[in-house]
PDB file of all heavy atoms in Angstrom:
ATOM      1  N   TYR A   1      56.012   2.190 251.250  1.00  0.00           N
ATOM      2  CA  TYR A   1      55.351   1.051 251.889  1.00  0.00           C
ATOM      3  C   TYR A   1      54.349   0.409 250.975  1.00  0.00           C
ATOM      4  O   TYR A   1      53.577  -0.515 251.412  1.00  0.00           O
ATOM      5  CB  TYR A   1      54.625   1.501 253.194  1.00  0.00           C
ATOM      6  CG  TYR A   1      55.606   1.839 254.292  1.00  0.00           C
ATOM      7  CD1 TYR A   1      56.048   3.153 254.601  1.00  0.00           C
ATOM      8  CD2 TYR A   1      56.230   0.797 255.032  1.00  0.00           C
ATOM      9  CE1 TYR A   1      56.927   3.426 255.565  1.00  0.00           C
ATOM     10  CE2 TYR A   1      57.084   1.092 256.038  1.00  0.00           C
ATOM     11  CZ  TYR A   1      57.418   2.472 256.294  1.00  0.00           C
ATOM     12  OH  TYR A   1      58.425   2.715 257.284  1.00  0.00           O
ATOM     13  N   GLY A   2      54.287   0.796 249.714  1.00  0.00           N
ATOM     14  CA  GLY A   2      53.472   0.138 248.735  1.00  0.00           C
ATOM     15  C   GLY A   2      52.064   0.366 248.751  1.00  0.00           C
ATOM     16  O   GLY A   2      51.317  -0.341 248.065  1.00  0.00           O
ATOM     17  N   ASN A   3      51.535   1.308 249.554  1.00  0.00           N
ATOM     18  CA  ASN A   3      50.125   1.564 249.646  1.00  0.00           C
ATOM     19  C   ASN A   3      49.681   2.455 248.398  1.00  0.00           C
ATOM     20  O   ASN A   3      50.186   3.506 248.309  1.00  0.00           O
ATOM     21  CB  ASN A   3      49.764   2.266 250.983  1.00  0.00           C
ATOM     22  CG  ASN A   3      50.046   1.410 252.122  1.00  0.00           C
ATOM     23  OD1 ASN A   3      49.758   0.207 252.107  1.00  0.00           O
ATOM     24  ND2 ASN A   3      50.570   1.967 253.177  1.00  0.00           N
ATOM     25  N   HIS A   4      48.632   1.942 247.739  1.00  0.00           N
ATOM     26  CA  HIS A   4      48.193   2.759 246.607  1.00  0.00           C
ATOM     27  C   HIS A   4      46.693   3.181 246.896  1.00  0.00           C
ATOM     28  O   HIS A   4      45.819   2.243 247.079  1.00  0.00           O
ATOM     29  CB  HIS A   4      48.259   1.950 245.324  1.00  0.00           C
ATOM     30  CG  HIS A   4      49.728   1.656 244.871  1.00  0.00           C
ATOM     31  ND1 HIS A   4      50.383   2.472 244.133  1.00  0.00           N
ATOM     32  CD2 HIS A   4      50.569   0.624 245.229  1.00  0.00           C
ATOM     33  CE1 HIS A   4      51.590   1.999 243.910  1.00  0.00           C
ATOM     34  NE2 HIS A   4      51.732   0.874 244.571  1.00  0.00           N
ATOM     35  N   VAL A   5      46.442   4.465 246.875  1.00  0.00           N
ATOM     36  CA  VAL A   5      45.136   4.898 247.388  1.00  0.00           C
ATOM     37  C   VAL A   5      44.555   5.831 246.323  1.00  0.00           C
ATOM     38  O   VAL A   5      45.258   6.637 245.757  1.00  0.00           O
ATOM     39  CB  VAL A   5      45.330   5.684 248.708  1.00  0.00           C
ATOM     40  CG1 VAL A   5      44.026   6.222 249.193  1.00  0.00           C
ATOM     41  CG2 VAL A   5      45.949   4.725 249.779  1.00  0.00           C
ATOM     42  N   SER A   6      43.210   5.796 246.138  1.00  0.00           N
ATOM     43  CA  SER A   6      42.497   6.853 245.482  1.00  0.00           C
ATOM     44  C   SER A   6      41.689   7.569 246.502  1.00  0.00           C
ATOM     45  O   SER A   6      40.820   7.155 247.144  1.00  0.00           O
ATOM     46  CB  SER A   6      41.503   6.228 244.439  1.00  0.00           C
ATOM     47  OG  SER A   6      40.589   7.170 244.082  1.00  0.00           O
ATOM     48  N   LEU A   7      42.027   8.936 246.652  1.00  0.00           N
ATOM     49  CA  LEU A   7      41.336   9.732 247.640  1.00  0.00           C
ATOM     50  C   LEU A   7      39.836   9.756 247.394  1.00  0.00           C
ATOM     51  O   LEU A   7      39.068   9.715 248.298  1.00  0.00           O
ATOM     52  CB  LEU A   7      41.915  11.193 247.664  1.00  0.00           C
ATOM     53  CG  LEU A   7      43.307  11.366 248.130  1.00  0.00           C
ATOM     54  CD1 LEU A   7      43.767  12.786 248.078  1.00  0.00           C
ATOM     55  CD2 LEU A   7      43.477  10.863 249.542  1.00  0.00           C
ATOM     56  N   LYS A   8      39.475   9.826 246.122  1.00  0.00           N
ATOM     57  CA  LYS A   8      37.964   9.811 245.923  1.00  0.00           C
ATOM     58  C   LYS A   8      37.274   8.602 246.487  1.00  0.00           C
ATOM     59  O   LYS A   8      36.190   8.676 246.928  1.00  0.00           O
ATOM     60  CB  LYS A   8      37.720   9.860 244.339  1.00  0.00           C
ATOM     61  CG  LYS A   8      38.107  11.162 243.697  1.00  0.00           C
ATOM     62  CD  LYS A   8      37.868  11.122 242.199  1.00  0.00           C
ATOM     63  CE  LYS A   8      38.166  12.470 241.520  1.00  0.00           C
ATOM     64  NZ  LYS A   8      37.906  12.416 240.106  1.00  0.00           N
ATOM     65  N   GLN A   9      37.924   7.393 246.422  1.00  0.00           N
ATOM     66  CA  GLN A   9      37.333   6.235 246.894  1.00  0.00           C
ATOM     67  C   GLN A   9      37.185   6.149 248.365  1.00  0.00           C
ATOM     68  O   GLN A   9      36.404   5.421 248.951  1.00  0.00           O
ATOM     69  CB  GLN A   9      38.123   4.973 246.376  1.00  0.00           C
ATOM     70  CG  GLN A   9      38.025   4.756 244.916  1.00  0.00           C
ATOM     71  CD  GLN A   9      38.771   3.619 244.446  1.00  0.00           C
ATOM     72  OE1 GLN A   9      39.456   2.935 245.205  1.00  0.00           O
ATOM     73  NE2 GLN A   9      38.741   3.288 243.080  1.00  0.00           N
ATOM     74  N   VAL A  10      37.843   7.037 249.000  1.00  0.00           N
ATOM     75  CA  VAL A  10      37.691   7.118 250.612  1.00  0.00           C
ATOM     76  C   VAL A  10      37.024   8.486 250.957  1.00  0.00           C
ATOM     77  O   VAL A  10      37.056   8.899 252.122  1.00  0.00           O
ATOM     78  CB  VAL A  10      39.125   7.060 251.270  1.00  0.00           C
ATOM     79  CG1 VAL A  10      39.607   5.610 251.204  1.00  0.00           C
ATOM     80  CG2 VAL A  10      40.068   8.073 250.794  1.00  0.00           C
ATOM     81  N   GLY A  11      36.289   9.083 249.999  1.00  0.00           N
ATOM     82  CA  GLY A  11      35.460  10.183 250.267  1.00  0.00           C
ATOM     83  C   GLY A  11      36.152  11.485 250.338  1.00  0.00           C
ATOM     84  O   GLY A  11      35.606  12.441 251.057  1.00  0.00           O
ATOM     85  N   ILE A  12      37.353  11.616 249.744  1.00  0.00           N
ATOM     86  CA  ILE A  12      38.059  12.970 249.853  1.00  0.00           C
ATOM     87  C   ILE A  12      38.256  13.506 248.363  1.00  0.00           C
ATOM     88  O   ILE A  12      38.778  12.811 247.583  1.00  0.00           O
ATOM     89  CB  ILE A  12      39.394  12.739 250.557  1.00  0.00           C
ATOM     90  CG1 ILE A  12      39.222  12.173 251.983  1.00  0.00           C
ATOM     91  CG2 ILE A  12      40.201  14.109 250.598  1.00  0.00           C
ATOM     92  CD1 ILE A  12      40.523  11.788 252.583  1.00  0.00           C
ATOM     93  N   THR A  13      37.800  14.799 248.261  1.00  0.00           N
ATOM     94  CA  THR A  13      37.954  15.423 246.984  1.00  0.00           C
ATOM     95  C   THR A  13      38.873  16.615 247.133  1.00  0.00           C
ATOM     96  O   THR A  13      38.649  17.496 247.980  1.00  0.00           O
ATOM     97  CB  THR A  13      36.565  15.816 246.402  1.00  0.00           C
ATOM     98  OG1 THR A  13      35.810  14.676 246.252  1.00  0.00           O
ATOM     99  CG2 THR A  13      36.801  16.443 245.044  1.00  0.00           C
ATOM    100  N   VAL A  14      39.904  16.753 246.251  1.00  0.00           N
ATOM    101  CA  VAL A  14      40.780  17.923 246.411  1.00  0.00           C
ATOM    102  C   VAL A  14      40.919  18.666 245.004  1.00  0.00           C
ATOM    103  O   VAL A  14      41.688  19.488 244.795  1.00  0.00           O
ATOM    104  CB  VAL A  14      42.209  17.436 246.766  1.00  0.00           C
ATOM    105  CG1 VAL A  14      42.245  16.892 248.151  1.00  0.00           C
ATOM    106  CG2 VAL A  14      42.777  16.385 245.795  1.00  0.00           C
ATOM    107  N   ALA A  15      39.885  18.247 244.063  1.00  0.00           N
ATOM    108  CA  ALA A  15      39.922  18.968 242.789  1.00  0.00           C
ATOM    109  C   ALA A  15      39.860  20.457 242.931  1.00  0.00           C
ATOM    110  O   ALA A  15      38.962  20.886 243.602  1.00  0.00           O
ATOM    111  CB  ALA A  15      38.744  18.406 241.976  1.00  0.00           C
ATOM    112  N   GLY A  16      40.745  21.162 242.202  1.00  0.00           N
ATOM    113  CA  GLY A  16      40.736  22.599 242.321  1.00  0.00           C
ATOM    114  C   GLY A  16      41.488  23.139 243.542  1.00  0.00           C
ATOM    115  O   GLY A  16      41.608  24.419 243.694  1.00  0.00           O
ATOM    116  N   ARG A  17      41.905  22.319 244.507  1.00  0.00           N
ATOM    117  CA  ARG A  17      42.569  22.737 245.615  1.00  0.00           C
ATOM    118  C   ARG A  17      43.879  21.926 245.876  1.00  0.00           C
ATOM    119  O   ARG A  17      44.294  21.615 246.984  1.00  0.00           O
ATOM    120  CB  ARG A  17      41.577  22.559 246.865  1.00  0.00           C
ATOM    121  CG  ARG A  17      40.386  23.416 246.825  1.00  0.00           C
ATOM    122  CD  ARG A  17      39.447  23.213 248.025  1.00  0.00           C
ATOM    123  NE  ARG A  17      39.031  21.868 248.130  1.00  0.00           N
ATOM    124  CZ  ARG A  17      37.913  21.347 247.548  1.00  0.00           C
ATOM    125  NH1 ARG A  17      37.222  22.122 246.711  1.00  0.00           N
ATOM    126  NH2 ARG A  17      37.576  20.160 247.611  1.00  0.00           N
ATOM    127  N   SER A  18      44.544  21.696 244.704  1.00  0.00           N
ATOM    128  CA  SER A  18      45.878  20.920 244.887  1.00  0.00           C
ATOM    129  C   SER A  18      47.008  21.909 244.443  1.00  0.00           C
ATOM    130  O   SER A  18      46.765  22.588 243.406  1.00  0.00           O
ATOM    131  CB  SER A  18      45.796  19.759 243.920  1.00  0.00           C
ATOM    132  OG  SER A  18      44.974  18.797 244.497  1.00  0.00           O
ATOM    133  N   THR A  19      48.044  21.854 245.056  1.00  0.00           N
ATOM    134  CA  THR A  19      49.229  22.673 244.757  1.00  0.00           C
ATOM    135  C   THR A  19      50.472  21.822 244.757  1.00  0.00           C
ATOM    136  O   THR A  19      50.572  20.875 245.548  1.00  0.00           O
ATOM    137  CB  THR A  19      49.482  23.734 245.871  1.00  0.00           C
ATOM    138  OG1 THR A  19      48.300  24.561 245.941  1.00  0.00           O
ATOM    139  CG2 THR A  19      50.627  24.645 245.455  1.00  0.00           C
ATOM    140  N   ARG A  20      51.287  22.003 243.800  1.00  0.00           N
ATOM    141  CA  ARG A  20      52.537  21.246 243.598  1.00  0.00           C
ATOM    142  C   ARG A  20      53.753  22.149 243.784  1.00  0.00           C
ATOM    143  O   ARG A  20      53.853  23.241 243.109  1.00  0.00           O
ATOM    144  CB  ARG A  20      52.629  20.595 242.201  1.00  0.00           C
ATOM    145  CG  ARG A  20      53.810  19.662 242.097  1.00  0.00           C
ATOM    146  CD  ARG A  20      53.874  19.045 240.701  1.00  0.00           C
ATOM    147  NE  ARG A  20      55.078  18.271 240.505  1.00  0.00           N
ATOM    148  CZ  ARG A  20      55.643  17.994 239.384  1.00  0.00           C
ATOM    149  NH1 ARG A  20      55.000  18.401 238.291  1.00  0.00           N
ATOM    150  NH2 ARG A  20      56.755  17.275 239.262  1.00  0.00           N
ATOM    151  N   LEU A  21      54.603  21.903 244.743  1.00  0.00           N
ATOM    152  CA  LEU A  21      55.777  22.612 245.082  1.00  0.00           C
ATOM    153  C   LEU A  21      56.966  21.995 244.243  1.00  0.00           C
ATOM    154  O   LEU A  21      57.071  20.792 244.162  1.00  0.00           O
ATOM    155  CB  LEU A  21      56.184  22.657 246.512  1.00  0.00           C
ATOM    156  CG  LEU A  21      55.002  23.165 247.455  1.00  0.00           C
ATOM    157  CD1 LEU A  21      55.433  22.943 248.931  1.00  0.00           C
ATOM    158  CD2 LEU A  21      54.787  24.615 247.165  1.00  0.00           C
ATOM    159  N   ARG A  22      57.771  22.831 243.547  1.00  0.00           N
ATOM    160  CA  ARG A  22      58.792  22.360 242.615  1.00  0.00           C
ATOM    161  C   ARG A  22      60.179  22.667 243.104  1.00  0.00           C
ATOM    162  O   ARG A  22      61.105  22.178 242.410  1.00  0.00           O
ATOM    163  CB  ARG A  22      58.483  22.919 241.287  1.00  0.00           C
ATOM    164  CG  ARG A  22      57.220  22.437 240.668  1.00  0.00           C
ATOM    165  CD  ARG A  22      57.041  22.935 239.266  1.00  0.00           C
ATOM    166  NE  ARG A  22      55.891  22.494 238.619  1.00  0.00           N
ATOM    167  CZ  ARG A  22      54.620  23.081 238.611  1.00  0.00           C
ATOM    168  NH1 ARG A  22      54.559  24.223 239.257  1.00  0.00           N
ATOM    169  NH2 ARG A  22      53.592  22.536 238.000  1.00  0.00           N
ATOM    170  N   ILE A  23      60.392  23.625 244.089  1.00  0.00           N
ATOM    171  CA  ILE A  23      61.750  24.003 244.339  1.00  0.00           C
ATOM    172  C   ILE A  23      62.154  23.390 245.657  1.00  0.00           C
ATOM    173  O   ILE A  23      61.537  23.525 246.729  1.00  0.00           O
ATOM    174  CB  ILE A  23      61.817  25.608 244.546  1.00  0.00           C
ATOM    175  CG1 ILE A  23      61.226  26.272 243.208  1.00  0.00           C
ATOM    176  CG2 ILE A  23      63.204  26.096 244.770  1.00  0.00           C
ATOM    177  CD1 ILE A  23      61.011  27.748 243.256  1.00  0.00           C
ATOM    178  N   ASN A  24      63.415  22.759 245.589  1.00  0.00           N
ATOM    179  CA  ASN A  24      63.938  22.053 246.748  1.00  0.00           C
ATOM    180  C   ASN A  24      64.856  23.101 247.466  1.00  0.00           C
ATOM    181  O   ASN A  24      65.838  23.667 246.872  1.00  0.00           O
ATOM    182  CB  ASN A  24      64.778  20.864 246.293  1.00  0.00           C
ATOM    183  CG  ASN A  24      65.438  20.100 247.438  1.00  0.00           C
ATOM    184  OD1 ASN A  24      66.045  20.724 248.277  1.00  0.00           O
ATOM    185  ND2 ASN A  24      65.351  18.807 247.394  1.00  0.00           N
ATOM    186  N   TYR A  25      64.532  23.396 248.750  1.00  0.00           N
ATOM    187  CA  TYR A  25      65.352  24.322 249.564  1.00  0.00           C
ATOM    188  C   TYR A  25      66.308  23.576 250.526  1.00  0.00           C
ATOM    189  O   TYR A  25      66.943  24.272 251.385  1.00  0.00           O
ATOM    190  CB  TYR A  25      64.448  25.297 250.375  1.00  0.00           C
ATOM    191  CG  TYR A  25      63.601  26.167 249.363  1.00  0.00           C
ATOM    192  CD1 TYR A  25      62.363  25.865 249.056  1.00  0.00           C
ATOM    193  CD2 TYR A  25      64.172  27.248 248.751  1.00  0.00           C
ATOM    194  CE1 TYR A  25      61.565  26.659 248.221  1.00  0.00           C
ATOM    195  CE2 TYR A  25      63.451  28.087 247.919  1.00  0.00           C
ATOM    196  CZ  TYR A  25      62.204  27.681 247.630  1.00  0.00           C
ATOM    197  OH  TYR A  25      61.475  28.574 246.783  1.00  0.00           O
ATOM    198  N   ARG A  26      66.469  22.325 250.451  1.00  0.00           N
ATOM    199  CA  ARG A  26      67.216  21.569 251.416  1.00  0.00           C
ATOM    200  C   ARG A  26      68.417  20.946 250.770  1.00  0.00           C
ATOM    201  O   ARG A  26      69.600  21.024 251.322  1.00  0.00           O
ATOM    202  CB  ARG A  26      66.391  20.411 252.101  1.00  0.00           C
ATOM    203  CG  ARG A  26      67.242  19.576 252.955  1.00  0.00           C
ATOM    204  CD  ARG A  26      66.279  18.461 253.680  1.00  0.00           C
ATOM    205  NE  ARG A  26      65.881  17.514 252.675  1.00  0.00           N
ATOM    206  CZ  ARG A  26      64.664  16.922 252.721  1.00  0.00           C
ATOM    207  NH1 ARG A  26      63.840  17.204 253.650  1.00  0.00           N
ATOM    208  NH2 ARG A  26      64.281  15.952 251.878  1.00  0.00           N
ATOM    209  N   THR A  27      68.284  20.372 249.665  1.00  0.00           N
ATOM    210  CA  THR A  27      69.321  19.555 249.035  1.00  0.00           C
ATOM    211  C   THR A  27      69.997  20.277 247.866  1.00  0.00           C
ATOM    212  O   THR A  27      69.329  20.951 247.111  1.00  0.00           O
ATOM    213  CB  THR A  27      68.732  18.205 248.516  1.00  0.00           C
ATOM    214  OG1 THR A  27      68.144  17.557 249.515  1.00  0.00           O
ATOM    215  CG2 THR A  27      69.755  17.316 247.893  1.00  0.00           C
ATOM    216  N   SER A  28      71.341  20.201 247.749  1.00  0.00           N
ATOM    217  CA  SER A  28      71.987  20.966 246.715  1.00  0.00           C
ATOM    218  C   SER A  28      71.614  20.367 245.340  1.00  0.00           C
ATOM    219  O   SER A  28      71.159  19.256 245.152  1.00  0.00           O
ATOM    220  CB  SER A  28      73.523  20.777 246.852  1.00  0.00           C
ATOM    221  OG  SER A  28      73.921  19.486 246.627  1.00  0.00           O
ATOM    222  N   ALA A  29      71.794  21.171 244.368  1.00  0.00           N
ATOM    223  CA  ALA A  29      71.442  20.765 242.975  1.00  0.00           C
ATOM    224  C   ALA A  29      72.315  19.537 242.480  1.00  0.00           C
ATOM    225  O   ALA A  29      71.777  18.688 241.778  1.00  0.00           O
ATOM    226  CB  ALA A  29      71.658  21.912 241.997  1.00  0.00           C
ATOM    227  N   GLU A  30      73.530  19.514 242.942  1.00  0.00           N
ATOM    228  CA  GLU A  30      74.343  18.330 242.619  1.00  0.00           C
ATOM    229  C   GLU A  30      73.861  17.061 243.196  1.00  0.00           C
ATOM    230  O   GLU A  30      73.794  16.042 242.527  1.00  0.00           O
ATOM    231  CB  GLU A  30      75.827  18.665 243.094  1.00  0.00           C
ATOM    232  CG  GLU A  30      76.469  19.722 242.335  1.00  0.00           C
ATOM    233  CD  GLU A  30      76.060  21.168 242.786  1.00  0.00           C
ATOM    234  OE1 GLU A  30      75.287  21.350 243.756  1.00  0.00           O
ATOM    235  OE2 GLU A  30      76.346  22.180 241.963  1.00  0.00           O
ATOM    236  N   ILE A  31      73.411  17.119 244.473  1.00  0.00           N
ATOM    237  CA  ILE A  31      72.851  15.820 245.183  1.00  0.00           C
ATOM    238  C   ILE A  31      71.497  15.567 244.431  1.00  0.00           C
ATOM    239  O   ILE A  31      71.221  14.369 244.210  1.00  0.00           O
ATOM    240  CB  ILE A  31      72.764  16.074 246.601  1.00  0.00           C
ATOM    241  CG1 ILE A  31      74.123  16.268 247.284  1.00  0.00           C
ATOM    242  CG2 ILE A  31      71.958  14.923 247.213  1.00  0.00           C
ATOM    243  CD1 ILE A  31      73.981  16.506 248.747  1.00  0.00           C
ATOM    244  N   LEU A  32      70.750  16.660 244.225  1.00  0.00           N
ATOM    245  CA  LEU A  32      69.436  16.350 243.670  1.00  0.00           C
ATOM    246  C   LEU A  32      69.500  15.643 242.213  1.00  0.00           C
ATOM    247  O   LEU A  32      68.772  14.780 241.951  1.00  0.00           O
ATOM    248  CB  LEU A  32      68.672  17.692 243.575  1.00  0.00           C
ATOM    249  CG  LEU A  32      67.267  17.572 243.028  1.00  0.00           C
ATOM    250  CD1 LEU A  32      66.399  16.698 243.783  1.00  0.00           C
ATOM    251  CD2 LEU A  32      66.640  18.952 242.928  1.00  0.00           C
ATOM    252  N   ARG A  33      70.463  16.237 241.497  1.00  0.00           N
ATOM    253  CA  ARG A  33      70.667  15.675 240.147  1.00  0.00           C
ATOM    254  C   ARG A  33      70.949  14.159 240.164  1.00  0.00           C
ATOM    255  O   ARG A  33      70.442  13.341 239.351  1.00  0.00           O
ATOM    256  CB  ARG A  33      71.790  16.405 239.341  1.00  0.00           C
ATOM    257  CG  ARG A  33      71.894  16.128 237.920  1.00  0.00           C
ATOM    258  CD  ARG A  33      72.927  16.983 237.246  1.00  0.00           C
ATOM    259  NE  ARG A  33      72.535  18.393 237.237  1.00  0.00           N
ATOM    260  CZ  ARG A  33      73.315  19.327 237.902  1.00  0.00           C
ATOM    261  NH1 ARG A  33      74.418  18.951 238.550  1.00  0.00           N
ATOM    262  NH2 ARG A  33      72.886  20.511 237.799  1.00  0.00           N
ATOM    263  N   TRP A  34      71.920  13.740 241.062  1.00  0.00           N
ATOM    264  CA  TRP A  34      72.178  12.332 241.208  1.00  0.00           C
ATOM    265  C   TRP A  34      70.943  11.546 241.711  1.00  0.00           C
ATOM    266  O   TRP A  34      70.697  10.440 241.196  1.00  0.00           O
ATOM    267  CB  TRP A  34      73.318  12.267 242.290  1.00  0.00           C
ATOM    268  CG  TRP A  34      73.831  10.765 242.251  1.00  0.00           C
ATOM    269  CD1 TRP A  34      74.793  10.235 241.521  1.00  0.00           C
ATOM    270  CD2 TRP A  34      73.262   9.745 243.081  1.00  0.00           C
ATOM    271  NE1 TRP A  34      74.950   8.899 241.843  1.00  0.00           N
ATOM    272  CE2 TRP A  34      74.036   8.518 242.824  1.00  0.00           C
ATOM    273  CE3 TRP A  34      72.382   9.667 244.117  1.00  0.00           C
ATOM    274  CZ2 TRP A  34      73.879   7.361 243.488  1.00  0.00           C
ATOM    275  CZ3 TRP A  34      72.090   8.424 244.713  1.00  0.00           C
ATOM    276  CH2 TRP A  34      72.924   7.271 244.426  1.00  0.00           C
ATOM    277  N   SER A  35      70.268  12.107 242.637  1.00  0.00           N
ATOM    278  CA  SER A  35      69.012  11.473 243.211  1.00  0.00           C
ATOM    279  C   SER A  35      67.912  11.222 242.117  1.00  0.00           C
ATOM    280  O   SER A  35      67.318  10.220 242.129  1.00  0.00           O
ATOM    281  CB  SER A  35      68.460  12.252 244.375  1.00  0.00           C
ATOM    282  OG  SER A  35      69.489  12.439 245.303  1.00  0.00           O
ATOM    283  N   LEU A  36      67.746  12.187 241.269  1.00  0.00           N
ATOM    284  CA  LEU A  36      66.756  12.192 240.227  1.00  0.00           C
ATOM    285  C   LEU A  36      67.150  10.940 239.181  1.00  0.00           C
ATOM    286  O   LEU A  36      66.417  10.315 238.648  1.00  0.00           O
ATOM    287  CB  LEU A  36      66.600  13.399 239.466  1.00  0.00           C
ATOM    288  CG  LEU A  36      65.898  14.566 240.229  1.00  0.00           C
ATOM    289  CD1 LEU A  36      65.960  15.813 239.385  1.00  0.00           C
ATOM    290  CD2 LEU A  36      64.504  14.122 240.578  1.00  0.00           C
TER     291      LEU A  36
END
């Protein structure tokens, strides 16, 4: 939807409390490779 937000500018800080998940458990590797 084109919204670009800085959490800091709206008073929200997540520094040190951010986690990134990297493993897809829904889509097959073949579909994921095409999608990437």
